[in-house]
Amino acid sequence: RWKRLEALLEQHGIRWQGLKTIELGSGRGQALLILALRGAQVTLVDSSAEALASAQRLYGHFGCHATLVQGDIFTSLAPFRQQFDVALSFGLAEHFRYPQRQQVVELHGSLVKPGGWVVIEVPNAYCLPYQWFKWLAQRTGHWKVGLEIPFTAGELIRCARAARLLPVQ
């Protein structure tokens, strides 16, 4: 995941030092830790106080700082509109049904400055290993994720276009 993100951003001339980033549904924030180590300003948003406390310990262990925001993504982020160069999520939008599913994509776009980047990673509905794993985990009672509806590539592109985001793959 990190290598793909790094290649995508670097090929478009984005530099890490001072880059203002926000991750929605961040959990412990592992995805942005490498950006923080490279000089990016990191904001992590999650509804779980436990996850954010774990993120604080993780970032502290590596001598990095992250701004932590606990709250619901739909109600807590108004003060952050157009404040970031990059808004990301890794495994968030698939945990919602419509219309919130579309709102998650739109929210990413509202957080970036004009010309900013949005990175949304979701499970692919046509990925057979994912489907097999999910089916097996649900069948054996090991699925602890709750609602998770994977996206097709077309659906994610439609959501991005509806949010006035320009899809780049």
N, C-alpha and C. Protein backbone atom coordinates (compact mmCIF):
# COMPACT_ATOMS: atom_id res chain seq x y z
N ARG A 1 0.83 -1.19 0.00
CA ARG A 1 0.00 0.00 0.00
C ARG A 1 0.87 1.25 0.00
N TRP A 2 1.86 1.27 0.88
CA TRP A 2 2.71 2.45 0.98
C TRP A 2 3.44 2.72 -0.32
N LYS A 3 3.99 1.70 -0.93
CA LYS A 3 4.75 1.89 -2.17
C LYS A 3 3.87 2.48 -3.28
N ARG A 4 2.62 2.00 -3.38
CA ARG A 4 1.70 2.54 -4.40
C ARG A 4 1.40 4.01 -4.12
N LEU A 5 1.13 4.33 -2.87
CA LEU A 5 0.84 5.71 -2.50
C LEU A 5 2.04 6.60 -2.78
N GLU A 6 3.20 6.16 -2.38
CA GLU A 6 4.42 6.93 -2.59
C GLU A 6 4.65 7.18 -4.08
N ALA A 7 4.53 6.14 -4.89
CA ALA A 7 4.75 6.29 -6.33
C ALA A 7 3.75 7.25 -6.95
N LEU A 8 2.48 7.12 -6.58
CA LEU A 8 1.43 7.98 -7.13
C LEU A 8 1.70 9.44 -6.81
N LEU A 9 1.97 9.73 -5.56
CA LEU A 9 2.16 11.12 -5.16
C LEU A 9 3.46 11.69 -5.71
N GLU A 10 4.52 10.92 -5.69
CA GLU A 10 5.80 11.42 -6.19
C GLU A 10 5.77 11.65 -7.70
N GLN A 11 5.06 10.81 -8.44
CA GLN A 11 5.00 11.00 -9.90
C GLN A 11 4.28 12.30 -10.25
N HIS A 12 3.49 12.83 -9.31
CA HIS A 12 2.81 14.09 -9.53
C HIS A 12 3.50 15.25 -8.82
N GLY A 13 4.73 15.03 -8.39
CA GLY A 13 5.54 16.10 -7.83
C GLY A 13 5.23 16.50 -6.41
N ILE A 14 4.53 15.66 -5.69
CA ILE A 14 4.19 15.99 -4.31
C ILE A 14 5.37 15.65 -3.39
N ARG A 15 5.76 16.62 -2.59
CA ARG A 15 6.88 16.45 -1.66
C ARG A 15 6.33 16.22 -0.26
N TRP A 16 7.02 15.43 0.52
CA TRP A 16 6.54 15.02 1.84
C TRP A 16 6.68 16.09 2.90
N GLN A 17 7.80 16.81 2.88
CA GLN A 17 8.09 17.78 3.93
C GLN A 17 7.01 18.85 3.99
N GLY A 18 6.32 18.96 5.13
CA GLY A 18 5.30 19.96 5.34
C GLY A 18 3.94 19.64 4.72
N LEU A 19 3.83 18.51 4.05
CA LEU A 19 2.57 18.10 3.42
C LEU A 19 1.51 17.93 4.51
N LYS A 20 0.37 18.58 4.35
CA LYS A 20 -0.71 18.48 5.34
C LYS A 20 -1.64 17.35 4.93
N THR A 21 -1.70 16.30 5.77
CA THR A 21 -2.47 15.10 5.44
C THR A 21 -3.49 14.80 6.54
N ILE A 22 -4.59 14.18 6.12
CA ILE A 22 -5.60 13.73 7.08
C ILE A 22 -6.06 12.35 6.66
N GLU A 23 -6.18 11.45 7.63
CA GLU A 23 -6.70 10.11 7.37
C GLU A 23 -8.00 9.93 8.13
N LEU A 24 -9.05 9.58 7.40
CA LEU A 24 -10.36 9.33 7.99
C LEU A 24 -10.49 7.86 8.33
N GLY A 25 -11.03 7.57 9.51
CA GLY A 25 -11.12 6.17 9.94
C GLY A 25 -9.73 5.59 10.11
N SER A 26 -8.87 6.33 10.75
CA SER A 26 -7.44 6.03 10.78
C SER A 26 -7.04 4.84 11.65
N GLY A 27 -7.85 4.49 12.63
CA GLY A 27 -7.38 3.47 13.56
C GLY A 27 -6.09 3.96 14.21
N ARG A 28 -5.08 3.11 14.21
CA ARG A 28 -3.78 3.46 14.81
C ARG A 28 -2.96 4.42 13.94
N GLY A 29 -3.37 4.62 12.71
CA GLY A 29 -2.67 5.57 11.85
C GLY A 29 -1.39 5.04 11.22
N GLN A 30 -1.27 3.72 11.10
CA GLN A 30 -0.06 3.14 10.54
C GLN A 30 0.21 3.62 9.12
N ALA A 31 -0.85 3.84 8.34
CA ALA A 31 -0.67 4.21 6.94
C ALA A 31 0.06 5.54 6.79
N LEU A 32 -0.19 6.48 7.70
CA LEU A 32 0.44 7.80 7.58
C LEU A 32 1.71 7.94 8.41
N LEU A 33 2.06 6.93 9.17
CA LEU A 33 3.27 7.02 9.98
C LEU A 33 4.49 7.28 9.10
N ILE A 34 4.57 6.62 7.97
CA ILE A 34 5.74 6.82 7.10
C ILE A 34 5.77 8.24 6.56
N LEU A 35 4.60 8.82 6.27
CA LEU A 35 4.56 10.21 5.83
C LEU A 35 5.05 11.12 6.94
N ALA A 36 4.63 10.84 8.18
CA ALA A 36 5.08 11.65 9.32
C ALA A 36 6.59 11.55 9.49
N LEU A 37 7.13 10.36 9.30
CA LEU A 37 8.57 10.17 9.40
C LEU A 37 9.33 10.96 8.33
N ARG A 38 8.66 11.23 7.23
CA ARG A 38 9.27 11.99 6.13
C ARG A 38 8.95 13.47 6.19
N GLY A 39 8.30 13.91 7.25
CA GLY A 39 8.09 15.34 7.45
C GLY A 39 6.70 15.85 7.17
N ALA A 40 5.75 14.99 6.87
CA ALA A 40 4.38 15.44 6.64
C ALA A 40 3.71 15.77 7.96
N GLN A 41 2.76 16.68 7.92
CA GLN A 41 1.91 16.99 9.08
C GLN A 41 0.71 16.06 8.99
N VAL A 42 0.49 15.27 10.03
CA VAL A 42 -0.51 14.21 10.00
C VAL A 42 -1.64 14.50 10.98
N THR A 43 -2.88 14.37 10.48
CA THR A 43 -4.07 14.42 11.33
C THR A 43 -4.78 13.09 11.18
N LEU A 44 -5.08 12.46 12.30
CA LEU A 44 -5.77 11.17 12.31
C LEU A 44 -7.16 11.35 12.90
N VAL A 45 -8.17 10.80 12.22
CA VAL A 45 -9.55 10.93 12.67
C VAL A 45 -10.13 9.53 12.84
N ASP A 46 -10.67 9.26 14.02
CA ASP A 46 -11.32 7.97 14.26
C ASP A 46 -12.35 8.15 15.36
N SER A 47 -13.35 7.29 15.36
CA SER A 47 -14.37 7.36 16.41
C SER A 47 -13.92 6.67 17.69
N SER A 48 -12.85 5.88 17.61
CA SER A 48 -12.40 5.09 18.74
C SER A 48 -11.29 5.80 19.53
N ALA A 49 -11.58 6.11 20.79
CA ALA A 49 -10.56 6.70 21.66
C ALA A 49 -9.42 5.72 21.87
N GLU A 50 -9.73 4.45 21.96
CA GLU A 50 -8.70 3.42 22.14
C GLU A 50 -7.74 3.38 20.95
N ALA A 51 -8.27 3.44 19.74
CA ALA A 51 -7.42 3.43 18.55
C ALA A 51 -6.52 4.66 18.51
N LEU A 52 -7.06 5.82 18.86
CA LEU A 52 -6.26 7.03 18.84
C LEU A 52 -5.21 7.06 19.95
N ALA A 53 -5.53 6.48 21.10
CA ALA A 53 -4.52 6.36 22.17
C ALA A 53 -3.38 5.46 21.70
N SER A 54 -3.73 4.41 21.00
CA SER A 54 -2.71 3.52 20.44
C SER A 54 -1.88 4.26 19.38
N ALA A 55 -2.53 5.10 18.58
CA ALA A 55 -1.81 5.89 17.58
C ALA A 55 -0.83 6.85 18.26
N GLN A 56 -1.27 7.46 19.35
CA GLN A 56 -0.40 8.39 20.07
C GLN A 56 0.86 7.68 20.58
N ARG A 57 0.68 6.48 21.11
CA ARG A 57 1.83 5.70 21.59
C ARG A 57 2.74 5.32 20.42
N LEU A 58 2.14 4.88 19.30
CA LEU A 58 2.91 4.48 18.13
C LEU A 58 3.73 5.65 17.59
N TYR A 59 3.10 6.78 17.39
CA TYR A 59 3.80 7.95 16.85
C TYR A 59 4.86 8.43 17.84
N GLY A 60 4.54 8.40 19.14
CA GLY A 60 5.51 8.80 20.15
C GLY A 60 6.73 7.89 20.14
N HIS A 61 6.52 6.60 19.94
CA HIS A 61 7.63 5.64 19.87
C HIS A 61 8.61 6.01 18.76
N PHE A 62 8.09 6.53 17.66
CA PHE A 62 8.94 6.90 16.53
C PHE A 62 9.34 8.37 16.54
N GLY A 63 8.98 9.09 17.61
CA GLY A 63 9.34 10.50 17.72
C GLY A 63 8.59 11.40 16.76
N CYS A 64 7.40 11.00 16.38
CA CYS A 64 6.57 11.78 15.45
C CYS A 64 5.38 12.36 16.19
N HIS A 65 4.78 13.36 15.56
CA HIS A 65 3.57 13.95 16.11
C HIS A 65 2.42 13.75 15.13
N ALA A 66 1.25 13.50 15.67
CA ALA A 66 0.02 13.48 14.88
C ALA A 66 -1.05 14.22 15.66
N THR A 67 -1.82 15.01 14.97
CA THR A 67 -2.99 15.63 15.58
C THR A 67 -4.09 14.58 15.58
N LEU A 68 -4.69 14.33 16.73
CA LEU A 68 -5.70 13.29 16.88
C LEU A 68 -7.08 13.91 17.05
N VAL A 69 -8.04 13.44 16.27
CA VAL A 69 -9.41 13.94 16.34
C VAL A 69 -10.33 12.75 16.56
N GLN A 70 -10.98 12.71 17.72
CA GLN A 70 -11.94 11.65 17.98
C GLN A 70 -13.33 12.18 17.68
N GLY A 71 -14.07 11.42 16.88
CA GLY A 71 -15.44 11.83 16.60
C GLY A 71 -15.97 11.18 15.35
N ASP A 72 -17.21 11.45 15.09
CA ASP A 72 -17.90 10.97 13.92
C ASP A 72 -17.45 11.79 12.71
N ILE A 73 -17.06 11.12 11.64
CA ILE A 73 -16.54 11.85 10.48
C ILE A 73 -17.57 12.81 9.88
N PHE A 74 -18.85 12.51 10.03
CA PHE A 74 -19.89 13.34 9.42
C PHE A 74 -20.20 14.59 10.22
N THR A 75 -19.81 14.62 11.50
CA THR A 75 -20.17 15.77 12.34
C THR A 75 -18.97 16.49 12.95
N SER A 76 -17.78 15.91 12.88
CA SER A 76 -16.63 16.47 13.60
C SER A 76 -15.65 17.25 12.73
N LEU A 77 -15.84 17.25 11.42
CA LEU A 77 -14.76 17.75 10.57
C LEU A 77 -15.02 19.10 9.90
N ALA A 78 -16.13 19.76 10.22
CA ALA A 78 -16.42 21.06 9.61
C ALA A 78 -15.27 22.06 9.77
N PRO A 79 -14.60 22.13 10.93
CA PRO A 79 -13.50 23.10 11.07
C PRO A 79 -12.29 22.79 10.18
N PHE A 80 -12.26 21.61 9.58
CA PHE A 80 -11.09 21.20 8.80
C PHE A 80 -11.30 21.34 7.29
N ARG A 81 -12.40 21.92 6.86
CA ARG A 81 -12.69 22.05 5.43
C ARG A 81 -11.56 22.80 4.72
N GLN A 82 -11.13 22.26 3.60
CA GLN A 82 -10.10 22.84 2.72
C GLN A 82 -8.80 23.18 3.46
N GLN A 83 -8.41 22.33 4.40
CA GLN A 83 -7.20 22.57 5.18
C GLN A 83 -6.02 21.68 4.79
N PHE A 84 -6.25 20.68 3.94
CA PHE A 84 -5.24 19.65 3.72
C PHE A 84 -4.82 19.56 2.26
N ASP A 85 -3.59 19.09 2.09
CA ASP A 85 -3.08 18.81 0.75
C ASP A 85 -3.56 17.44 0.27
N VAL A 86 -3.69 16.50 1.21
CA VAL A 86 -4.10 15.14 0.88
C VAL A 86 -5.06 14.63 1.96
N ALA A 87 -6.20 14.08 1.53
CA ALA A 87 -7.14 13.40 2.43
C ALA A 87 -7.19 11.95 2.00
N LEU A 88 -7.05 11.04 2.97
CA LEU A 88 -6.97 9.62 2.66
C LEU A 88 -7.89 8.80 3.56
N SER A 89 -8.23 7.62 3.05
CA SER A 89 -8.82 6.58 3.90
C SER A 89 -8.48 5.24 3.29
N PHE A 90 -8.28 4.29 4.16
CA PHE A 90 -7.93 2.93 3.74
C PHE A 90 -8.91 1.99 4.42
N GLY A 91 -9.98 1.65 3.71
CA GLY A 91 -10.96 0.74 4.29
C GLY A 91 -11.97 1.44 5.17
N LEU A 92 -12.59 2.49 4.66
CA LEU A 92 -13.61 3.21 5.42
C LEU A 92 -14.95 3.22 4.69
N ALA A 93 -14.96 3.65 3.45
CA ALA A 93 -16.22 3.89 2.72
C ALA A 93 -17.07 2.63 2.58
N GLU A 94 -16.45 1.47 2.56
CA GLU A 94 -17.20 0.22 2.37
C GLU A 94 -18.02 -0.17 3.60
N HIS A 95 -17.85 0.54 4.70
CA HIS A 95 -18.59 0.24 5.93
C HIS A 95 -19.90 1.01 6.02
N PHE A 96 -20.30 1.63 4.93
CA PHE A 96 -21.52 2.43 4.89
C PHE A 96 -22.41 2.00 3.73
N ARG A 97 -23.69 2.28 3.89
CA ARG A 97 -24.67 2.12 2.81
C ARG A 97 -24.95 3.52 2.24
N TYR A 98 -25.60 3.55 1.10
CA TYR A 98 -26.01 4.85 0.55
C TYR A 98 -27.13 5.44 1.40
N PRO A 99 -27.18 6.75 1.60
CA PRO A 99 -26.40 7.79 0.94
C PRO A 99 -25.07 8.09 1.65
N GLN A 100 -24.83 7.53 2.83
CA GLN A 100 -23.58 7.83 3.54
C GLN A 100 -22.35 7.37 2.77
N ARG A 101 -22.49 6.33 2.00
CA ARG A 101 -21.36 5.83 1.19
C ARG A 101 -20.86 6.93 0.25
N GLN A 102 -21.78 7.61 -0.39
CA GLN A 102 -21.42 8.73 -1.26
C GLN A 102 -20.90 9.90 -0.43
N GLN A 103 -21.49 10.14 0.72
CA GLN A 103 -21.07 11.26 1.57
C GLN A 103 -19.62 11.09 2.05
N VAL A 104 -19.20 9.85 2.28
CA VAL A 104 -17.81 9.60 2.70
C VAL A 104 -16.86 10.10 1.61
N VAL A 105 -17.16 9.77 0.37
CA VAL A 105 -16.31 10.20 -0.75
C VAL A 105 -16.33 11.72 -0.85
N GLU A 106 -17.49 12.33 -0.75
CA GLU A 106 -17.60 13.79 -0.82
C GLU A 106 -16.85 14.47 0.32
N LEU A 107 -16.89 13.86 1.50
CA LEU A 107 -16.21 14.43 2.66
C LEU A 107 -14.71 14.54 2.41
N HIS A 108 -14.12 13.52 1.82
CA HIS A 108 -12.69 13.58 1.49
C HIS A 108 -12.40 14.84 0.67
N GLY A 109 -13.20 15.04 -0.38
CA GLY A 109 -12.99 16.19 -1.25
C GLY A 109 -13.15 17.52 -0.55
N SER A 110 -14.04 17.59 0.43
CA SER A 110 -14.27 18.85 1.15
C SER A 110 -13.12 19.22 2.06
N LEU A 111 -12.28 18.26 2.38
CA LEU A 111 -11.18 18.51 3.33
C LEU A 111 -9.91 19.01 2.66
N VAL A 112 -9.80 18.83 1.34
CA VAL A 112 -8.57 19.24 0.66
C VAL A 112 -8.70 20.65 0.10
N LYS A 113 -7.56 21.31 0.04
CA LYS A 113 -7.46 22.63 -0.59
C LYS A 113 -7.71 22.46 -2.09
N PRO A 114 -8.03 23.53 -2.79
CA PRO A 114 -8.13 23.42 -4.25
C PRO A 114 -6.83 22.84 -4.82
N GLY A 115 -6.96 21.85 -5.68
CA GLY A 115 -5.79 21.18 -6.23
C GLY A 115 -5.25 20.06 -5.36
N GLY A 116 -5.91 19.82 -4.20
CA GLY A 116 -5.46 18.77 -3.29
C GLY A 116 -5.78 17.39 -3.82
N TRP A 117 -5.26 16.40 -3.12
CA TRP A 117 -5.41 15.00 -3.54
C TRP A 117 -6.29 14.23 -2.57
N VAL A 118 -7.08 13.33 -3.10
CA VAL A 118 -7.90 12.42 -2.32
C VAL A 118 -7.47 11.00 -2.69
N VAL A 119 -7.20 10.20 -1.67
CA VAL A 119 -6.84 8.79 -1.87
C VAL A 119 -7.83 7.95 -1.05
N ILE A 120 -8.60 7.14 -1.75
CA ILE A 120 -9.57 6.27 -1.09
C ILE A 120 -9.30 4.85 -1.52
N GLU A 121 -8.97 4.01 -0.56
CA GLU A 121 -8.72 2.60 -0.84
C GLU A 121 -9.85 1.79 -0.21
N VAL A 122 -10.46 0.93 -1.03
CA VAL A 122 -11.57 0.10 -0.58
C VAL A 122 -11.38 -1.30 -1.14
N PRO A 123 -12.02 -2.29 -0.53
CA PRO A 123 -11.95 -3.64 -1.10
C PRO A 123 -12.64 -3.69 -2.47
N ASN A 124 -12.08 -4.49 -3.35
CA ASN A 124 -12.61 -4.67 -4.69
C ASN A 124 -13.63 -5.81 -4.68
N ALA A 125 -14.83 -5.51 -5.12
CA ALA A 125 -15.91 -6.51 -5.13
C ALA A 125 -15.58 -7.72 -5.98
N TYR A 126 -14.68 -7.57 -6.95
CA TYR A 126 -14.35 -8.68 -7.85
C TYR A 126 -13.05 -9.40 -7.46
N CYS A 127 -12.50 -9.09 -6.30
CA CYS A 127 -11.28 -9.75 -5.85
C CYS A 127 -11.67 -11.09 -5.20
N LEU A 128 -11.38 -12.17 -5.89
CA LEU A 128 -11.79 -13.48 -5.39
C LEU A 128 -11.15 -13.86 -4.05
N PRO A 129 -9.86 -13.60 -3.83
CA PRO A 129 -9.30 -13.93 -2.50
C PRO A 129 -10.01 -13.17 -1.37
N TYR A 130 -10.33 -11.90 -1.60
CA TYR A 130 -11.07 -11.12 -0.60
C TYR A 130 -12.44 -11.75 -0.36
N GLN A 131 -13.17 -12.03 -1.42
CA GLN A 131 -14.50 -12.61 -1.29
C GLN A 131 -14.45 -13.96 -0.56
N TRP A 132 -13.46 -14.77 -0.90
CA TRP A 132 -13.33 -16.08 -0.26
C TRP A 132 -13.03 -15.91 1.23
N PHE A 133 -12.08 -15.03 1.56
CA PHE A 133 -11.73 -14.80 2.96
C PHE A 133 -12.93 -14.30 3.74
N LYS A 134 -13.66 -13.31 3.19
CA LYS A 134 -14.82 -12.75 3.88
C LYS A 134 -15.88 -13.82 4.10
N TRP A 135 -16.16 -14.60 3.07
CA TRP A 135 -17.16 -15.66 3.19
C TRP A 135 -16.76 -16.66 4.28
N LEU A 136 -15.49 -17.09 4.25
CA LEU A 136 -15.01 -18.06 5.23
C LEU A 136 -15.06 -17.49 6.65
N ALA A 137 -14.64 -16.26 6.82
CA ALA A 137 -14.66 -15.63 8.14
C ALA A 137 -16.09 -15.48 8.65
N GLN A 138 -17.01 -15.11 7.79
CA GLN A 138 -18.41 -14.99 8.21
C GLN A 138 -18.98 -16.36 8.55
N ARG A 139 -18.67 -17.34 7.73
CA ARG A 139 -19.20 -18.70 7.90
C ARG A 139 -18.72 -19.32 9.22
N THR A 140 -17.49 -19.02 9.62
CA THR A 140 -16.91 -19.62 10.82
C THR A 140 -17.05 -18.74 12.06
N GLY A 141 -17.72 -17.59 11.91
CA GLY A 141 -17.93 -16.70 13.06
C GLY A 141 -16.74 -15.85 13.41
N HIS A 142 -15.77 -15.72 12.50
CA HIS A 142 -14.58 -14.92 12.77
C HIS A 142 -14.63 -13.53 12.14
N TRP A 143 -15.73 -13.19 11.49
CA TRP A 143 -15.85 -11.87 10.87
C TRP A 143 -16.27 -10.88 11.95
N LYS A 144 -15.38 -10.00 12.33
CA LYS A 144 -15.64 -9.04 13.41
C LYS A 144 -15.79 -7.61 12.89
N VAL A 145 -15.76 -7.44 11.59
CA VAL A 145 -15.75 -6.12 10.98
C VAL A 145 -17.13 -5.48 10.92
N GLY A 146 -18.16 -6.28 10.93
CA GLY A 146 -19.51 -5.73 10.77
C GLY A 146 -19.81 -5.52 9.30
N LEU A 147 -20.61 -4.51 9.01
CA LEU A 147 -21.00 -4.23 7.64
C LEU A 147 -19.78 -3.88 6.79
N GLU A 148 -19.62 -4.56 5.69
CA GLU A 148 -18.55 -4.24 4.75
C GLU A 148 -19.03 -4.66 3.37
N ILE A 149 -19.29 -3.66 2.54
CA ILE A 149 -19.77 -3.88 1.18
C ILE A 149 -18.68 -3.40 0.23
N PRO A 150 -17.95 -4.31 -0.41
CA PRO A 150 -16.86 -3.89 -1.28
C PRO A 150 -17.38 -3.10 -2.49
N PHE A 151 -16.53 -2.31 -3.07
CA PHE A 151 -16.85 -1.49 -4.24
C PHE A 151 -16.40 -2.19 -5.51
N THR A 152 -17.09 -1.92 -6.60
CA THR A 152 -16.53 -2.20 -7.92
C THR A 152 -15.74 -0.95 -8.30
N ALA A 153 -14.82 -1.08 -9.24
CA ALA A 153 -14.07 0.09 -9.70
C ALA A 153 -15.02 1.12 -10.28
N GLY A 154 -16.01 0.65 -11.03
CA GLY A 154 -16.97 1.57 -11.63
C GLY A 154 -17.75 2.36 -10.60
N GLU A 155 -18.14 1.70 -9.53
CA GLU A 155 -18.89 2.39 -8.48
C GLU A 155 -18.05 3.47 -7.83
N LEU A 156 -16.80 3.15 -7.53
CA LEU A 156 -15.93 4.14 -6.89
C LEU A 156 -15.70 5.33 -7.83
N ILE A 157 -15.53 5.07 -9.09
CA ILE A 157 -15.36 6.15 -10.06
C ILE A 157 -16.63 7.00 -10.15
N ARG A 158 -17.79 6.38 -10.16
CA ARG A 158 -19.06 7.14 -10.18
C ARG A 158 -19.19 8.01 -8.93
N CYS A 159 -18.84 7.47 -7.78
CA CYS A 159 -18.89 8.25 -6.54
C CYS A 159 -17.93 9.44 -6.61
N ALA A 160 -16.73 9.20 -7.12
CA ALA A 160 -15.74 10.27 -7.24
C ALA A 160 -16.23 11.36 -8.18
N ARG A 161 -16.79 10.96 -9.31
CA ARG A 161 -17.30 11.96 -10.26
C ARG A 161 -18.47 12.74 -9.66
N ALA A 162 -19.37 12.07 -8.96
CA ALA A 162 -20.49 12.74 -8.32
C ALA A 162 -19.99 13.74 -7.27
N ALA A 163 -18.85 13.45 -6.66
CA ALA A 163 -18.26 14.34 -5.66
C ALA A 163 -17.36 15.41 -6.32
N ARG A 164 -17.36 15.41 -7.65
CA ARG A 164 -16.53 16.34 -8.43
C ARG A 164 -15.05 16.14 -8.20
N LEU A 165 -14.69 14.89 -7.98
CA LEU A 165 -13.28 14.51 -7.87
C LEU A 165 -12.89 13.90 -9.20
N LEU A 166 -11.68 14.10 -9.60
CA LEU A 166 -11.18 13.57 -10.86
C LEU A 166 -10.47 12.25 -10.59
N PRO A 167 -11.04 11.13 -10.98
CA PRO A 167 -10.38 9.84 -10.70
C PRO A 167 -9.04 9.69 -11.43
N VAL A 168 -8.05 9.25 -10.69
CA VAL A 168 -6.74 8.90 -11.22
C VAL A 168 -6.42 7.52 -10.70
N GLN A 169 -6.02 6.61 -11.58
CA GLN A 169 -5.72 5.25 -11.10
C GLN A 169 -4.26 4.95 -11.24
